[in-house]
PDB file of N, CA and C in Angstrom:
ATOM      1  N   MET A   1       6.890   1.932  -5.438  1.00  0.00           N
ATOM      2  CA  MET A   1       6.379   3.285  -5.132  1.00  0.00           C
ATOM      3  C   MET A   1       6.100   3.308  -3.663  1.00  0.00           C
ATOM      4  N   GLN A   2       6.033   4.585  -3.247  1.00  0.00           N
ATOM      5  CA  GLN A   2       5.919   4.725  -1.706  1.00  0.00           C
ATOM      6  C   GLN A   2       4.474   5.321  -1.450  1.00  0.00           C
ATOM      7  N   ILE A   3       3.686   4.732  -0.490  1.00  0.00           N
ATOM      8  CA  ILE A   3       2.400   5.192  -0.175  1.00  0.00           C
ATOM      9  C   ILE A   3       2.163   5.108   1.393  1.00  0.00           C
ATOM     10  N   GLN A   4       1.248   6.037   1.881  1.00  0.00           N
ATOM     11  CA  GLN A   4       0.824   5.982   3.206  1.00  0.00           C
ATOM     12  C   GLN A   4      -0.213   4.794   3.459  1.00  0.00           C
ATOM     13  N   VAL A   5       0.016   3.706   4.222  1.00  0.00           N
ATOM     14  CA  VAL A   5      -0.902   2.731   4.388  1.00  0.00           C
ATOM     15  C   VAL A   5      -1.388   2.790   5.767  1.00  0.00           C
ATOM     16  N   GLY A   6      -2.688   2.507   5.893  1.00  0.00           N
ATOM     17  CA  GLY A   6      -3.402   2.779   7.148  1.00  0.00           C
ATOM     18  C   GLY A   6      -3.888   1.292   7.736  1.00  0.00           C
ATOM     19  N   GLY A   7      -4.063   0.334   6.864  1.00  0.00           N
ATOM     20  CA  GLY A   7      -4.489  -0.973   7.410  1.00  0.00           C
ATOM     21  C   GLY A   7      -4.570  -1.906   6.249  1.00  0.00           C
ATOM     22  N   TRP A   8      -5.261  -3.059   6.629  1.00  0.00           N
ATOM     23  CA  TRP A   8      -5.417  -4.193   5.704  1.00  0.00           C
ATOM     24  C   TRP A   8      -6.429  -5.089   6.115  1.00  0.00           C
ATOM     25  N   LYS A   9      -7.033  -5.987   5.232  1.00  0.00           N
ATOM     26  CA  LYS A   9      -8.041  -6.839   5.526  1.00  0.00           C
ATOM     27  C   LYS A   9      -7.798  -8.171   4.583  1.00  0.00           C
ATOM     28  N   HIS A  10      -7.884  -9.416   5.206  1.00  0.00           N
ATOM     29  CA  HIS A  10      -7.884 -10.521   4.361  1.00  0.00           C
ATOM     30  C   HIS A  10      -9.187 -11.188   4.053  1.00  0.00           C
ATOM     31  N   SER A  11      -9.577 -11.433   2.904  1.00  0.00           N
ATOM     32  CA  SER A  11     -10.850 -11.958   2.545  1.00  0.00           C
ATOM     33  C   SER A  11     -10.615 -13.285   1.706  1.00  0.00           C
ATOM     34  N   LYS A  12     -11.221 -14.364   2.405  1.00  0.00           N
ATOM     35  CA  LYS A  12     -11.180 -15.662   1.776  1.00  0.00           C
ATOM     36  C   LYS A  12     -12.464 -16.424   1.978  1.00  0.00           C
ATOM     37  N   GLY A  13     -12.941 -17.070   0.819  1.00  0.00           N
ATOM     38  CA  GLY A  13     -14.143 -17.789   1.005  1.00  0.00           C
ATOM     39  C   GLY A  13     -14.689 -18.165  -0.490  1.00  0.00           C
ATOM     40  N   GLU A  14     -15.926 -18.322  -0.541  1.00  0.00           N
ATOM     41  CA  GLU A  14     -16.499 -18.865  -1.754  1.00  0.00           C
ATOM     42  C   GLU A  14     -17.760 -17.925  -2.025  1.00  0.00           C
ATOM     43  N   TYR A  15     -17.960 -17.518  -3.271  1.00  0.00           N
ATOM     44  CA  TYR A  15     -19.203 -16.801  -3.638  1.00  0.00           C
ATOM     45  C   TYR A  15     -19.676 -17.284  -4.936  1.00  0.00           C
ATOM     46  N   GLU A  16     -20.921 -17.647  -5.052  1.00  0.00           N
ATOM     47  CA  GLU A  16     -21.643 -18.124  -6.118  1.00  0.00           C
ATOM     48  C   GLU A  16     -20.588 -19.261  -6.923  1.00  0.00           C
ATOM     49  N   GLY A  17     -20.163 -20.193  -6.065  1.00  0.00           N
ATOM     50  CA  GLY A  17     -19.346 -21.257  -6.498  1.00  0.00           C
ATOM     51  C   GLY A  17     -17.957 -21.025  -6.845  1.00  0.00           C
ATOM     52  N   ARG A  18     -17.529 -19.697  -6.653  1.00  0.00           N
ATOM     53  CA  ARG A  18     -16.203 -19.387  -7.124  1.00  0.00           C
ATOM     54  C   ARG A  18     -15.413 -19.050  -5.851  1.00  0.00           C
ATOM     55  N   GLU A  19     -14.258 -19.622  -5.675  1.00  0.00           N
ATOM     56  CA  GLU A  19     -13.408 -19.273  -4.488  1.00  0.00           C
ATOM     57  C   GLU A  19     -12.701 -18.033  -4.629  1.00  0.00           C
ATOM     58  N   PHE A  20     -12.474 -17.319  -3.603  1.00  0.00           N
ATOM     59  CA  PHE A  20     -11.593 -15.962  -3.657  1.00  0.00           C
ATOM     60  C   PHE A  20     -10.786 -15.986  -2.486  1.00  0.00           C
ATOM     61  N   ASP A  21      -9.595 -15.303  -2.515  1.00  0.00           N
ATOM     62  CA  ASP A  21      -8.521 -15.190  -1.559  1.00  0.00           C
ATOM     63  C   ASP A  21      -7.694 -14.032  -1.917  1.00  0.00           C
ATOM     64  N   PHE A  22      -7.832 -12.954  -1.287  1.00  0.00           N
ATOM     65  CA  PHE A  22      -7.089 -11.646  -1.507  1.00  0.00           C
ATOM     66  C   PHE A  22      -7.001 -10.819  -0.361  1.00  0.00           C
ATOM     67  N   VAL A  23      -6.135  -9.918  -0.415  1.00  0.00           N
ATOM     68  CA  VAL A  23      -5.964  -8.879   0.622  1.00  0.00           C
ATOM     69  C   VAL A  23      -6.331  -7.537   0.186  1.00  0.00           C
ATOM     70  N   THR A  24      -6.983  -6.779   1.058  1.00  0.00           N
ATOM     71  CA  THR A  24      -7.349  -5.321   0.610  1.00  0.00           C
ATOM     72  C   THR A  24      -6.402  -4.352   1.415  1.00  0.00           C
ATOM     73  N   ILE A  25      -5.681  -3.747   0.806  1.00  0.00           N
ATOM     74  CA  ILE A  25      -4.784  -2.729   1.553  1.00  0.00           C
ATOM     75  C   ILE A  25      -5.283  -1.318   1.466  1.00  0.00           C
ATOM     76  N   TYR A  26      -5.471  -0.665   2.578  1.00  0.00           N
ATOM     77  CA  TYR A  26      -6.083   0.704   2.693  1.00  0.00           C
ATOM     78  C   TYR A  26      -5.101   1.612   2.747  1.00  0.00           C
ATOM     79  N   ALA A  27      -5.064   2.672   1.929  1.00  0.00           N
ATOM     80  CA  ALA A  27      -3.896   3.713   1.850  1.00  0.00           C
ATOM     81  C   ALA A  27      -4.662   5.154   1.617  1.00  0.00           C
ATOM     82  N   VAL A  28      -3.609   6.065   1.658  1.00  0.00           N
ATOM     83  CA  VAL A  28      -3.988   7.478   1.179  1.00  0.00           C
ATOM     84  C   VAL A  28      -3.105   7.818   0.065  1.00  0.00           C
ATOM     85  N   SER A  29      -3.618   8.414  -0.984  1.00  0.00           N
ATOM     86  CA  SER A  29      -2.765   8.878  -2.061  1.00  0.00           C
ATOM     87  C   SER A  29      -3.171  10.376  -2.415  1.00  0.00           C
ATOM     88  N   ARG A  30      -2.137  10.967  -2.764  1.00  0.00           N
ATOM     89  CA  ARG A  30      -2.084  12.374  -3.087  1.00  0.00           C
ATOM     90  C   ARG A  30      -2.844  12.542  -4.536  1.00  0.00           C
ATOM     91  N   MET A  31      -3.840  13.337  -4.575  1.00  0.00           N
ATOM     92  CA  MET A  31      -4.578  13.453  -5.836  1.00  0.00           C
ATOM     93  C   MET A  31      -3.704  14.558  -6.699  1.00  0.00           C
ATOM     94  N   GLU A  32      -4.063  14.555  -7.968  1.00  0.00           N
ATOM     95  CA  GLU A  32      -3.585  15.617  -8.894  1.00  0.00           C
ATOM     96  C   GLU A  32      -4.099  16.940  -8.362  1.00  0.00           C
ATOM     97  N   GLN A  33      -3.285  17.907  -8.193  1.00  0.00           N
ATOM     98  CA  GLN A  33      -3.638  19.195  -7.645  1.00  0.00           C
ATOM     99  C   GLN A  33      -4.086  20.175  -8.862  1.00  0.00           C
ATOM    100  N   LYS A  34      -5.367  20.585  -8.890  1.00  0.00           N
ATOM    101  CA  LYS A  34      -5.752  21.446  -9.941  1.00  0.00           C
ATOM    102  C   LYS A  34      -7.022  22.196  -9.342  1.00  0.00           C
ATOM    103  N   ASP A  35      -7.558  23.056 -10.197  1.00  0.00           N
ATOM    104  CA  ASP A  35      -8.571  24.131  -9.752  1.00  0.00           C
ATOM    105  C   ASP A  35      -9.785  23.236  -9.215  1.00  0.00           C
ATOM    106  N   THR A  36     -10.122  22.181  -9.691  1.00  0.00           N
ATOM    107  CA  THR A  36     -11.387  21.310  -9.218  1.00  0.00           C
ATOM    108  C   THR A  36     -11.056  20.359  -8.146  1.00  0.00           C
ATOM    109  N   GLN A  37      -9.803  20.125  -7.720  1.00  0.00           N
ATOM    110  CA  GLN A  37      -9.642  19.059  -6.698  1.00  0.00           C
ATOM    111  C   GLN A  37      -8.296  19.499  -6.068  1.00  0.00           C
ATOM    112  N   ARG A  38      -8.305  19.124  -4.780  1.00  0.00           N
ATOM    113  CA  ARG A  38      -7.014  19.343  -3.830  1.00  0.00           C
ATOM    114  C   ARG A  38      -7.004  18.297  -2.876  1.00  0.00           C
ATOM    115  N   GLY A  39      -5.802  18.048  -2.327  1.00  0.00           N
ATOM    116  CA  GLY A  39      -5.569  17.115  -1.122  1.00  0.00           C
ATOM    117  C   GLY A  39      -5.333  15.779  -1.534  1.00  0.00           C
ATOM    118  N   SER A  40      -5.753  14.813  -0.698  1.00  0.00           N
ATOM    119  CA  SER A  40      -5.519  13.442  -0.897  1.00  0.00           C
ATOM    120  C   SER A  40      -6.782  12.660  -0.891  1.00  0.00           C
ATOM    121  N   ALA A  41      -6.883  11.383  -1.162  1.00  0.00           N
ATOM    122  CA  ALA A  41      -8.106  10.501  -1.288  1.00  0.00           C
ATOM    123  C   ALA A  41      -7.706   9.329  -0.635  1.00  0.00           C
ATOM    124  N   GLY A  42      -8.660   8.575  -0.034  1.00  0.00           N
ATOM    125  CA  GLY A  42      -8.624   7.237   0.453  1.00  0.00           C
ATOM    126  C   GLY A  42      -8.638   6.307  -0.758  1.00  0.00           C
ATOM    127  N   ILE A  43      -7.864   5.368  -0.753  1.00  0.00           N
ATOM    128  CA  ILE A  43      -7.808   4.421  -1.806  1.00  0.00           C
ATOM    129  C   ILE A  43      -7.750   2.947  -1.213  1.00  0.00           C
ATOM    130  N   ASP A  44      -8.190   1.947  -1.852  1.00  0.00           N
ATOM    131  CA  ASP A  44      -7.880   0.584  -1.506  1.00  0.00           C
ATOM    132  C   ASP A  44      -7.210  -0.140  -2.709  1.00  0.00           C
ATOM    133  N   MET A  45      -6.252  -0.995  -2.328  1.00  0.00           N
ATOM    134  CA  MET A  45      -5.580  -1.747  -3.364  1.00  0.00           C
ATOM    135  C   MET A  45      -5.685  -3.352  -3.056  1.00  0.00           C
ATOM    136  N   ARG A  46      -5.770  -4.046  -4.192  1.00  0.00           N
ATOM    137  CA  ARG A  46      -5.848  -5.504  -3.964  1.00  0.00           C
ATOM    138  C   ARG A  46      -4.495  -6.126  -3.723  1.00  0.00           C
ATOM    139  N   GLY A  47      -4.310  -6.924  -2.864  1.00  0.00           N
ATOM    140  CA  GLY A  47      -2.925  -7.566  -2.472  1.00  0.00           C
ATOM    141  C   GLY A  47      -2.986  -9.054  -2.683  1.00  0.00           C
ATOM    142  N   ASP A  48      -1.735  -9.579  -2.850  1.00  0.00           N
ATOM    143  CA  ASP A  48      -1.725 -11.032  -2.906  1.00  0.00           C
ATOM    144  C   ASP A  48      -1.880 -11.514  -1.607  1.00  0.00           C
ATOM    145  N   PRO A  49      -2.686 -12.814  -1.449  1.00  0.00           N
ATOM    146  CA  PRO A  49      -2.730 -13.348  -0.137  1.00  0.00           C
ATOM    147  C   PRO A  49      -1.566 -13.766   0.539  1.00  0.00           C
ATOM    148  N   SER A  50      -0.414 -13.935  -0.268  1.00  0.00           N
ATOM    149  CA  SER A  50       0.827 -14.359   0.374  1.00  0.00           C
ATOM    150  C   SER A  50       1.421 -13.269   1.284  1.00  0.00           C
ATOM    151  N   LEU A  51       0.789 -12.125   1.276  1.00  0.00           N
ATOM    152  CA  LEU A  51       1.311 -10.937   2.083  1.00  0.00           C
ATOM    153  C   LEU A  51       0.736 -11.043   3.485  1.00  0.00           C
ATOM    154  N   VAL A  52      -0.275 -11.896   3.796  1.00  0.00           N
ATOM    155  CA  VAL A  52      -0.934 -11.915   5.186  1.00  0.00           C
ATOM    156  C   VAL A  52       0.177 -11.990   6.266  1.00  0.00           C
ATOM    157  N   GLU A  53       1.005 -13.069   6.217  1.00  0.00           N
ATOM    158  CA  GLU A  53       1.934 -13.174   7.323  1.00  0.00           C
ATOM    159  C   GLU A  53       2.763 -11.993   7.598  1.00  0.00           C
ATOM    160  N   SER A  54       3.248 -11.281   6.530  1.00  0.00           N
ATOM    161  CA  SER A  54       4.186 -10.156   6.750  1.00  0.00           C
ATOM    162  C   SER A  54       3.298  -9.059   7.311  1.00  0.00           C
ATOM    163  N   LEU A  55       2.092  -8.880   6.877  1.00  0.00           N
ATOM    164  CA  LEU A  55       1.064  -7.784   7.174  1.00  0.00           C
ATOM    165  C   LEU A  55       0.817  -7.990   8.718  1.00  0.00           C
ATOM    166  N   LYS A  56       0.651  -9.172   9.187  1.00  0.00           N
ATOM    167  CA  LYS A  56       0.337  -9.440  10.609  1.00  0.00           C
ATOM    168  C   LYS A  56       1.460  -8.910  11.545  1.00  0.00           C
ATOM    169  N   LYS A  57       2.600  -8.711  11.063  1.00  0.00           N
ATOM    170  CA  LYS A  57       3.808  -8.230  11.903  1.00  0.00           C
ATOM    171  C   LYS A  57       3.881  -6.832  11.996  1.00  0.00           C
ATOM    172  N   ILE A  58       3.157  -6.067  11.230  1.00  0.00           N
ATOM    173  CA  ILE A  58       3.164  -4.534  11.161  1.00  0.00           C
ATOM    174  C   ILE A  58       2.130  -3.995  12.019  1.00  0.00           C
ATOM    175  N   ASP A  59       2.530  -3.045  12.939  1.00  0.00           N
ATOM    176  CA  ASP A  59       1.535  -2.494  13.858  1.00  0.00           C
ATOM    177  C   ASP A  59       0.915  -1.197  13.236  1.00  0.00           C
ATOM    178  N   PHE A  60      -0.195  -1.233  12.587  1.00  0.00           N
ATOM    179  CA  PHE A  60      -0.782  -0.083  11.861  1.00  0.00           C
ATOM    180  C   PHE A  60      -1.469   0.638  13.015  1.00  0.00           C
ATOM    181  N   VAL A  61      -0.773   1.630  13.769  1.00  0.00           N
ATOM    182  CA  VAL A  61      -1.422   2.453  14.771  1.00  0.00           C
ATOM    183  C   VAL A  61      -1.778   3.700  14.138  1.00  0.00           C
ATOM    184  N   GLY A  62      -1.448   4.007  13.001  1.00  0.00           N
ATOM    185  CA  GLY A  62      -1.679   5.166  12.210  1.00  0.00           C
ATOM    186  C   GLY A  62      -1.304   4.877  10.803  1.00  0.00           C
ATOM    187  N   PHE A  63      -1.132   5.856  10.021  1.00  0.00           N
ATOM    188  CA  PHE A  63      -0.716   5.608   8.645  1.00  0.00           C
ATOM    189  C   PHE A  63       0.839   5.486   8.642  1.00  0.00           C
ATOM    190  N   LEU A  64       1.406   4.649   7.909  1.00  0.00           N
ATOM    191  CA  LEU A  64       2.815   4.328   7.796  1.00  0.00           C
ATOM    192  C   LEU A  64       3.203   4.418   6.434  1.00  0.00           C
ATOM    193  N   LEU A  65       4.411   5.132   6.249  1.00  0.00           N
ATOM    194  CA  LEU A  65       4.940   5.086   4.784  1.00  0.00           C
ATOM    195  C   LEU A  65       5.446   3.750   4.421  1.00  0.00           C
ATOM    196  N   CYS A  66       5.066   3.137   3.344  1.00  0.00           N
ATOM    197  CA  CYS A  66       5.497   1.779   2.937  1.00  0.00           C
ATOM    198  C   CYS A  66       5.936   1.749   1.486  1.00  0.00           C
ATOM    199  N   ASP A  67       6.900   0.919   1.163  1.00  0.00           N
ATOM    200  CA  ASP A  67       7.354   0.643  -0.079  1.00  0.00           C
ATOM    201  C   ASP A  67       6.370  -0.432  -0.566  1.00  0.00           C
ATOM    202  N   VAL A  68       5.802  -0.221  -1.805  1.00  0.00           N
ATOM    203  CA  VAL A  68       4.860  -1.166  -2.328  1.00  0.00           C
ATOM    204  C   VAL A  68       5.257  -1.620  -3.798  1.00  0.00           C
ATOM    205  N   GLN A  69       5.245  -2.853  -3.972  1.00  0.00           N
ATOM    206  CA  GLN A  69       5.552  -3.338  -5.509  1.00  0.00           C
ATOM    207  C   GLN A  69       4.105  -3.999  -5.868  1.00  0.00           C
ATOM    208  N   THR A  70       3.885  -3.702  -7.238  1.00  0.00           N
ATOM    209  CA  THR A  70       2.599  -4.254  -7.738  1.00  0.00           C
ATOM    210  C   THR A  70       2.948  -4.752  -9.128  1.00  0.00           C
ATOM    211  N   GLU A  71       1.975  -5.647  -9.550  1.00  0.00           N
ATOM    212  CA  GLU A  71       2.040  -6.229 -10.945  1.00  0.00           C
ATOM    213  C   GLU A  71       0.585  -6.563 -11.363  1.00  0.00           C
ATOM    214  N   PRO A  72       0.366  -6.496 -12.655  1.00  0.00           N
ATOM    215  CA  PRO A  72      -1.015  -6.738 -13.219  1.00  0.00           C
ATOM    216  C   PRO A  72      -1.315  -8.241 -12.926  1.00  0.00           C
ATOM    217  N   ARG A  73      -2.543  -8.568 -12.464  1.00  0.00           N
ATOM    218  CA  ARG A  73      -2.976  -9.947 -12.393  1.00  0.00           C
ATOM    219  C   ARG A  73      -4.303 -10.197 -13.061  1.00  0.00           C
ATOM    220  N   ALA A  74      -4.392 -11.306 -13.852  1.00  0.00           N
ATOM    221  CA  ALA A  74      -5.674 -11.552 -14.447  1.00  0.00           C
ATOM    222  C   ALA A  74      -6.739 -11.910 -13.422  1.00  0.00           C
ATOM    223  N   THR A  75      -7.994 -11.287 -13.595  1.00  0.00           N
ATOM    224  CA  THR A  75      -9.165 -11.530 -12.803  1.00  0.00           C
ATOM    225  C   THR A  75     -10.179 -12.404 -13.500  1.00  0.00           C
ATOM    226  N   GLY A  76      -9.864 -12.712 -14.772  1.00  0.00           N
ATOM    227  CA  GLY A  76     -10.899 -13.432 -15.588  1.00  0.00           C
ATOM    228  C   GLY A  76     -11.522 -12.689 -16.626  1.00  0.00           C
ATOM    229  N   LYS A  77     -12.060 -13.181 -17.726  1.00  0.00           N
ATOM    230  CA  LYS A  77     -12.703 -12.516 -18.707  1.00  0.00           C
ATOM    231  C   LYS A  77     -12.011 -11.519 -19.473  1.00  0.00           C
ATOM    232  N   GLY A  78     -10.665 -11.535 -19.468  1.00  0.00           N
ATOM    233  CA  GLY A  78      -9.689 -10.573 -20.124  1.00  0.00           C
ATOM    234  C   GLY A  78      -9.382  -9.401 -19.299  1.00  0.00           C
ATOM    235  N   GLN A  79      -9.837  -9.411 -18.057  1.00  0.00           N
ATOM    236  CA  GLN A  79      -9.577  -8.147 -17.166  1.00  0.00           C
ATOM    237  C   GLN A  79      -8.371  -8.450 -16.271  1.00  0.00           C
ATOM    238  N   PHE A  80      -7.702  -7.336 -15.929  1.00  0.00           N
ATOM    239  CA  PHE A  80      -6.600  -7.309 -15.016  1.00  0.00           C
ATOM    240  C   PHE A  80      -6.743  -6.308 -13.962  1.00  0.00           C
ATOM    241  N   VAL A  81      -6.091  -6.550 -12.775  1.00  0.00           N
ATOM    242  CA  VAL A  81      -6.203  -5.622 -11.693  1.00  0.00           C
ATOM    243  C   VAL A  81      -4.850  -5.444 -11.180  1.00  0.00           C
ATOM    244  N   GLU A  82      -4.317  -4.250 -10.912  1.00  0.00           N
ATOM    245  CA  GLU A  82      -3.004  -4.074 -10.262  1.00  0.00           C
ATOM    246  C   GLU A  82      -3.060  -4.642  -8.850  1.00  0.00           C
ATOM    247  N   THR A  83      -2.162  -5.573  -8.601  1.00  0.00           N
ATOM    248  CA  THR A  83      -2.027  -6.317  -7.380  1.00  0.00           C
ATOM    249  C   THR A  83      -0.803  -6.127  -6.609  1.00  0.00           C
ATOM    250  N   VAL A  84      -0.869  -5.678  -5.341  1.00  0.00           N
ATOM    251  CA  VAL A  84       0.335  -5.641  -4.506  1.00  0.00           C
ATOM    252  C   VAL A  84       0.976  -6.877  -4.137  1.00  0.00           C
ATOM    253  N   THR A  85       2.218  -6.937  -4.559  1.00  0.00           N
ATOM    254  CA  THR A  85       2.926  -8.305  -4.373  1.00  0.00           C
ATOM    255  C   THR A  85       4.121  -8.263  -3.289  1.00  0.00           C
ATOM    256  N   HIS A  86       4.479  -6.959  -2.944  1.00  0.00           N
ATOM    257  CA  HIS A  86       5.304  -6.764  -1.743  1.00  0.00           C
ATOM    258  C   HIS A  86       5.072  -5.504  -1.131  1.00  0.00           C
ATOM    259  N   ILE A  87       5.127  -5.541   0.249  1.00  0.00           N
ATOM    260  CA  ILE A  87       4.955  -4.411   0.977  1.00  0.00           C
ATOM    261  C   ILE A  87       5.987  -4.425   2.154  1.00  0.00           C
ATOM    262  N   SER A  88       6.572  -3.149   2.461  1.00  0.00           N
ATOM    263  CA  SER A  88       7.461  -3.130   3.616  1.00  0.00           C
ATOM    264  C   SER A  88       7.392  -1.704   4.123  1.00  0.00           C
ATOM    265  N   VAL A  89       7.494  -1.546   5.431  1.00  0.00           N
ATOM    266  CA  VAL A  89       7.428  -0.248   6.021  1.00  0.00           C
ATOM    267  C   VAL A  89       8.832   0.428   5.766  1.00  0.00           C
ATOM    268  N   VAL A  90       8.756   1.693   5.393  1.00  0.00           N
ATOM    269  CA  VAL A  90      10.008   2.555   5.234  1.00  0.00           C
ATOM    270  C   VAL A  90      10.421   3.004   6.692  1.00  0.00           C
ATOM    271  N   PRO A  91      11.699   2.647   7.042  1.00  0.00           N
ATOM    272  CA  PRO A  91      12.092   3.053   8.385  1.00  0.00           C
ATOM    273  C   PRO A  91      12.113   4.559   8.631  1.00  0.00           C
ATOM    274  N   GLU A  92      11.821   4.967   9.625  1.00  0.00           N
ATOM    275  CA  GLU A  92      11.783   6.411   9.991  1.00  0.00           C
ATOM    276  C   GLU A  92      13.209   6.776  10.303  1.00  0.00           C
ATOM    277  N   LYS A  93      13.696   7.962   9.782  1.00  0.00           N
ATOM    278  CA  LYS A  93      14.974   8.534   9.870  1.00  0.00           C
ATOM    279  C   LYS A  93      14.932   9.157  11.381  1.00  0.00           C
ATOM    280  N   PRO A  94      15.987   8.913  12.084  1.00  0.00           N
ATOM    281  CA  PRO A  94      16.239   9.635  13.406  1.00  0.00           C
ATOM    282  C   PRO A  94      16.174  11.163  13.049  1.00  0.00           C
ATOM    283  N   LEU A  95      15.692  11.865  14.180  1.00  0.00           N
ATOM    284  CA  LEU A  95      15.649  13.371  14.004  1.00  0.00           C
ATOM    285  C   LEU A  95      17.013  13.891  13.663  1.00  0.00           C
ATOM    286  N   SER A  96      18.169  13.276  14.288  1.00  0.00           N
ATOM    287  CA  SER A  96      19.403  13.867  13.918  1.00  0.00           C
ATOM    288  C   SER A  96      19.839  13.674  12.593  1.00  0.00           C
ATOM    289  N   ALA A  97      19.341  12.664  11.871  1.00  0.00           N
ATOM    290  CA  ALA A  97      19.717  12.364  10.457  1.00  0.00           C
ATOM    291  C   ALA A  97      19.060  13.459   9.553  1.00  0.00           C
ATOM    292  N   MET A  98      17.861  13.818   9.989  1.00  0.00           N
ATOM    293  CA  MET A  98      16.983  14.869   9.141  1.00  0.00           C
ATOM    294  C   MET A  98      17.622  16.271   9.321  1.00  0.00           C
ATOM    295  N   THR A  99      18.274  16.544  10.541  1.00  0.00           N
ATOM    296  CA  THR A  99      18.610  17.847  10.644  1.00  0.00           C
ATOM    297  C   THR A  99      20.141  18.106  10.563  1.00  0.00           C
ATOM    298  N   ALA A 100      20.923  17.008  10.292  1.00  0.00           N
ATOM    299  CA  ALA A 100      22.260  17.098  10.213  1.00  0.00           C
ATOM    300  C   ALA A 100      22.697  17.984   8.899  1.00  0.00           C
ATOM    301  N   PRO A 101      23.728  18.744   8.862  1.00  0.00           N
ATOM    302  CA  PRO A 101      23.954  19.506   7.745  1.00  0.00           C
ATOM    303  C   PRO A 101      24.540  18.572   6.709  1.00  0.00           C
ATOM    304  N   ASN A 102      24.381  19.022   5.473  1.00  0.00           N
ATOM    305  CA  ASN A 102      24.689  18.230   4.270  1.00  0.00           C
ATOM    306  C   ASN A 102      26.141  18.512   4.034  1.00  0.00           C
ATOM    307  N   LYS A 103      26.942  17.493   4.263  1.00  0.00           N
ATOM    308  CA  LYS A 103      28.421  17.602   4.124  1.00  0.00           C
ATOM    309  C   LYS A 103      28.942  17.791   2.590  1.00  0.00           C
ATOM    310  N   ALA A 104      28.029  17.128   1.769  1.00  0.00           N
ATOM    311  CA  ALA A 104      28.448  17.222   0.391  1.00  0.00           C
ATOM    312  C   ALA A 104      28.255  18.623  -0.225  1.00  0.00           C
ATOM    313  N   ALA A 105      27.383  19.464   0.400  1.00  0.00           N
ATOM    314  CA  ALA A 105      27.151  20.791  -0.017  1.00  0.00           C
ATOM    315  C   ALA A 105      28.299  21.674   0.346  1.00  0.00           C
ATOM    316  N   ALA A 106      28.998  21.291   1.429  1.00  0.00           N
ATOM    317  CA  ALA A 106      30.138  22.200   1.957  1.00  0.00           C
ATOM    318  C   ALA A 106      31.285  22.249   1.067  1.00  0.00           C
TER     319      ALA A 106
END
């Protein structure tokens, strides 16, 4: 799926005798448009800690369109959370590619 990502945070440590290590990815998602809601909402997604090195290479100066792959991961006690396992920035198309006439339509 593709989402607008604005940043991330790595959390690692211990709480009440249990170790934790995960990434939080901050994004914006379009809400279902209906009479009682419109627009977008800020969301955060859990990410695998293996993403840290690749995320360090991305310059989040604003929101970037990213390809994101997720999978359910067990969190204990029979519960699962959707976890980001891969993220990459979608390359911007040059302006000429966006305005070029569609040759297939001709």
